[in-house]
Amino acid sequence: MDLQPLGDRLIVEALEEEETTDSGIVLPDTAKEKPQRGRVLAVGPGSRNEDGEYVPIDLAEGEEIIYSKYGGTEIKLGTDEYLILRESDVLAKVVGTREPAGAKA
């Protein structure tokens, strides 16, 4: 990837959710919810404080996050689609290996 985010921005790859319902119905792209879970691909240097010094972002490359549903800007590079988010659009970091609610093992 040839992008470097600026300021308090992140480049995120959206993680697709399961494409079938519990009853086995396959959902078309138009019926799916917009993903809210993604993997951080790149992190900007952070915002600047009053003294002009960078305040680092609390996220690192490779971490999985939950972000606001309509936050960020979608971009397409070749066949790949990415999302550029501000740090404030990130709601949570995914920690541990717990299965999402409703997932079957």
Protein backbone atom coordinates (compact mmCIF):
# COMPACT_ATOMS: atom_id res chain seq x y z
CA MET A 1 0.00 0.00 0.00
CA ASP A 2 1.36 3.40 -0.97
CA LEU A 3 -0.53 5.60 1.51
CA GLN A 4 0.73 7.34 4.66
CA PRO A 5 -2.03 8.87 6.81
CA LEU A 6 -1.53 12.39 8.14
CA GLY A 7 -2.32 13.77 11.60
CA ASP A 8 -4.72 11.69 13.67
CA ARG A 9 -5.90 9.55 10.78
CA LEU A 10 -5.78 5.78 10.22
CA ILE A 11 -6.04 3.62 7.13
CA VAL A 12 -8.33 0.67 7.79
CA GLU A 13 -9.32 -2.41 5.83
CA ALA A 14 -12.94 -3.32 6.53
CA LEU A 15 -13.49 -6.91 7.66
CA GLU A 16 -16.50 -8.49 5.99
CA GLU A 17 -19.13 -10.07 8.17
CA GLU A 18 -20.83 -13.42 7.50
CA GLU A 19 -22.90 -13.36 4.32
CA THR A 20 -25.67 -15.81 5.32
CA THR A 21 -28.45 -15.59 7.89
CA ASP A 22 -28.99 -18.16 10.65
CA SER A 23 -31.55 -19.90 8.45
CA GLY A 24 -29.04 -20.21 5.59
CA ILE A 25 -30.25 -17.38 3.34
CA VAL A 26 -27.41 -15.75 1.41
CA LEU A 27 -27.56 -11.95 1.61
CA PRO A 28 -26.80 -9.88 -1.50
CA ASP A 29 -24.42 -6.90 -1.19
CA THR A 30 -27.33 -4.44 -1.28
CA ALA A 31 -29.01 -6.01 1.77
CA LYS A 32 -25.91 -6.18 3.96
CA GLU A 33 -25.16 -3.79 6.79
CA LYS A 34 -22.11 -1.60 6.33
CA PRO A 35 -19.17 -3.23 8.17
CA GLN A 36 -18.07 -1.63 11.43
CA ARG A 37 -15.08 -3.84 12.12
CA GLY A 38 -11.69 -3.43 10.51
CA ARG A 39 -7.95 -3.96 10.69
CA VAL A 40 -5.58 -1.01 11.00
CA LEU A 41 -3.13 -0.93 8.07
CA ALA A 42 -1.36 2.38 8.76
CA VAL A 43 -1.32 5.00 11.53
CA GLY A 44 -0.57 8.71 11.22
CA PRO A 45 1.81 10.50 13.60
CA GLY A 46 -1.06 11.87 15.74
CA SER A 47 -2.52 15.29 16.34
CA ARG A 48 -0.46 18.20 17.65
CA ASN A 49 -0.91 19.73 21.11
CA GLU A 50 -0.69 23.45 21.97
CA ASP A 51 3.12 23.29 22.02
CA GLY A 52 3.27 21.80 18.51
CA GLU A 53 4.33 18.36 19.72
CA TYR A 54 2.69 15.21 18.38
CA VAL A 55 0.27 13.36 20.65
CA PRO A 56 0.63 9.71 19.54
CA ILE A 57 -2.39 7.64 18.53
CA ASP A 58 -3.41 4.80 20.87
CA LEU A 59 -3.59 2.29 18.00
CA ALA A 60 -0.98 0.30 16.10
CA GLU A 61 -0.82 -1.41 12.73
CA GLY A 62 -2.46 -4.83 12.69
CA GLU A 63 -4.95 -4.16 15.49
CA GLU A 64 -8.61 -4.91 14.98
CA ILE A 65 -11.05 -2.08 15.74
CA ILE A 66 -14.73 -1.21 15.85
CA TYR A 67 -15.52 2.11 14.21
CA SER A 68 -18.60 4.30 13.82
CA LYS A 69 -20.99 3.13 11.11
CA TYR A 70 -20.76 6.12 8.79
CA GLY A 71 -17.36 7.48 9.84
CA GLY A 72 -14.41 8.03 7.55
CA THR A 73 -13.83 8.31 3.84
CA GLU A 74 -13.90 5.30 1.54
CA ILE A 75 -11.17 5.12 -1.11
CA LYS A 76 -10.31 2.60 -3.80
CA LEU A 77 -6.76 1.82 -4.95
CA GLY A 78 -6.83 -0.58 -7.87
CA THR A 79 -9.12 -3.39 -6.78
CA ASP A 80 -8.60 -2.77 -3.03
CA GLU A 81 -10.94 -0.66 -0.93
CA TYR A 82 -9.80 1.15 2.21
CA LEU A 83 -11.25 3.52 4.76
CA ILE A 84 -9.50 6.61 6.11
CA LEU A 85 -10.73 7.33 9.65
CA ARG A 86 -9.93 9.91 12.30
CA GLU A 87 -8.91 8.50 15.66
CA SER A 88 -12.14 9.92 17.10
CA ASP A 89 -14.20 7.68 14.73
CA VAL A 90 -12.75 4.58 16.43
CA LEU A 91 -15.09 3.31 19.13
CA ALA A 92 -13.09 0.36 20.52
CA LYS A 93 -10.14 -1.98 20.09
CA VAL A 94 -10.92 -5.69 19.75
CA VAL A 95 -8.94 -7.62 22.37
CA GLY A 96 -8.97 -11.33 23.06
CA THR A 97 -10.43 -14.07 20.90
CA ARG A 98 -14.07 -14.09 21.99
CA GLU A 99 -16.60 -15.04 19.29
CA PRO A 100 -19.08 -12.32 18.24
CA ALA A 101 -22.63 -12.65 19.60
CA GLY A 102 -24.66 -15.13 17.56
CA ALA A 103 -21.62 -16.82 16.00
CA LYS A 104 -21.60 -20.59 15.82
CA ALA A 105 -18.50 -22.62 16.62
